[in-house]
């Protein structure tokens, strides 16, 4: 039994409609993948920005510490012109927004930088490592810097750095 052309008239239409549906499904899948990739890239960029801005807070704090250590030699939190605070009692103190109200904002001129980077310098302790009682040994101060900054969207990064500063007294 052979198929005649009369019996195949509707088959071309059905095959072309099936092909159009398949191509449309592939197009929608590709569009969703591209959209997902763009969102992922946007989130990554936001996190990267917040991280870099937090690093600027750490760098500014380090600069201020070196400046205070070598110019005024006054890093203790009890002094009147110190920007350090006593060490917090709890390890997760940085998660409490009220603790950040005393933070120092990183400025460029009179403007706060993008992402509002802030830092807090905690005064750990100070010691003199003196094996020879006749030697003049510098005072060693231990400080912890914690910085926070925001990205352009919802990302927020917290960074910590530890410093050891020697002061002659």
Foldseek 3Di string as FASTA:
>chain_A
DDDDPVVCPCVVVVVVVVVVVVVVVVVVVVVVVVVVVVVVVVVVQFQVQFVVLQVVQVVVVVVVVVCCQPPVVDQDPVDDPHQADADDPDPVPVVDPVVCPSWAFDDDVPHGDAQGKTKHKHWDDKDFDDPDPVDQTWIKTKIKMWMWGGGPPGDIDIDIDIDIDTHGD
